[in-house]
């Protein structure tokens, strides 16, 4: 799936992965932030949710995007 979504002052990119072919999918997302000058920061944050696994990449990516939005809202 590998989709990117703009949300608030961030871009979220889903990057879910499998440890082995034919294994479950682990949700991962990457965040890129805008600073106070509205410039994109070169720093990217990667977040893996090793406590969740899904049967499909699509399910894992959807969860990763939702999880990222919730994380941003808590900040």
Protein backbone atom coordinates (compact mmCIF):
# COMPACT_ATOMS: atom_id res chain seq x y z
CA UNK A 1 0.00 0.00 0.00
CA UNK A 2 2.70 2.52 1.04
CA UNK A 3 0.47 5.55 1.19
CA UNK A 4 1.28 9.01 2.51
CA UNK A 5 -1.19 11.27 4.30
CA UNK A 6 -0.86 14.89 5.39
CA UNK A 7 -2.19 15.36 8.91
CA UNK A 8 -1.83 18.57 10.88
CA UNK A 9 1.87 19.60 10.63
CA UNK A 10 3.04 16.13 9.61
CA UNK A 11 3.22 13.73 6.71
CA UNK A 12 2.54 10.14 7.69
CA UNK A 13 3.83 7.32 5.50
CA UNK A 14 2.73 3.76 6.16
CA UNK A 15 5.57 1.26 5.81
CA UNK A 16 4.28 -1.98 7.32
CA UNK A 17 6.52 -5.03 6.91
CA UNK A 18 6.87 -8.77 7.33
CA UNK A 19 9.75 -10.42 9.19
CA UNK A 20 9.55 -13.40 6.85
CA UNK A 21 7.67 -14.06 3.64
CA UNK A 22 4.22 -15.52 4.41
CA UNK A 23 4.27 -14.18 7.99
CA UNK A 24 2.02 -11.60 9.62
CA UNK A 25 2.34 -7.89 8.84
CA UNK A 26 3.71 -5.51 11.48
CA UNK A 27 2.41 -1.92 11.39
CA UNK A 28 5.06 0.75 10.85
CA UNK A 29 4.77 4.42 10.07
CA UNK A 30 7.20 7.23 9.43
CA UNK A 31 6.50 10.85 10.38
CA UNK A 32 7.99 13.96 8.87
CA UNK A 33 7.33 17.19 10.81
CA UNK A 34 7.10 20.86 9.89
CA UNK A 35 8.97 23.28 12.13
CA UNK A 36 7.81 26.70 13.37
CA UNK A 37 8.91 28.27 10.04
CA UNK A 38 6.74 25.77 8.13
CA UNK A 39 9.87 24.09 6.74
CA UNK A 40 10.00 20.31 6.52
CA UNK A 41 12.40 18.89 9.07
CA UNK A 42 14.98 16.48 7.71
CA UNK A 43 14.40 14.27 10.75
CA UNK A 44 12.02 11.40 10.29
CA UNK A 45 10.57 9.34 13.12
CA UNK A 46 9.91 5.65 12.59
CA UNK A 47 7.40 3.85 14.77
CA UNK A 48 6.82 0.09 14.80
CA UNK A 49 3.95 -1.53 16.68
CA UNK A 50 5.42 -4.89 17.58
CA UNK A 51 2.45 -5.60 19.85
CA UNK A 52 0.06 -5.74 16.86
CA UNK A 53 0.11 -7.98 13.80
CA UNK A 54 -2.26 -8.29 10.86
CA UNK A 55 -2.96 -10.83 8.12
CA UNK A 56 -2.59 -8.32 5.28
CA UNK A 57 -0.37 -5.37 4.46
CA UNK A 58 -3.45 -3.22 3.86
CA UNK A 59 -4.81 -3.89 7.37
CA UNK A 60 -1.42 -3.16 8.94
CA UNK A 61 -1.00 0.07 6.96
CA UNK A 62 -4.52 1.25 7.85
CA UNK A 63 -3.80 0.59 11.52
CA UNK A 64 -0.41 2.37 11.26
CA UNK A 65 -2.01 5.50 9.77
CA UNK A 66 -4.70 5.58 12.46
CA UNK A 67 -2.13 4.98 15.20
CA UNK A 68 0.04 7.82 13.85
CA UNK A 69 -2.91 10.24 13.84
CA UNK A 70 -3.73 9.33 17.44
CA UNK A 71 -0.07 9.81 18.43
CA UNK A 72 -0.01 13.26 16.79
CA UNK A 73 -3.26 14.24 18.55
CA UNK A 74 -1.74 13.33 21.93
CA UNK A 75 1.30 15.59 21.33
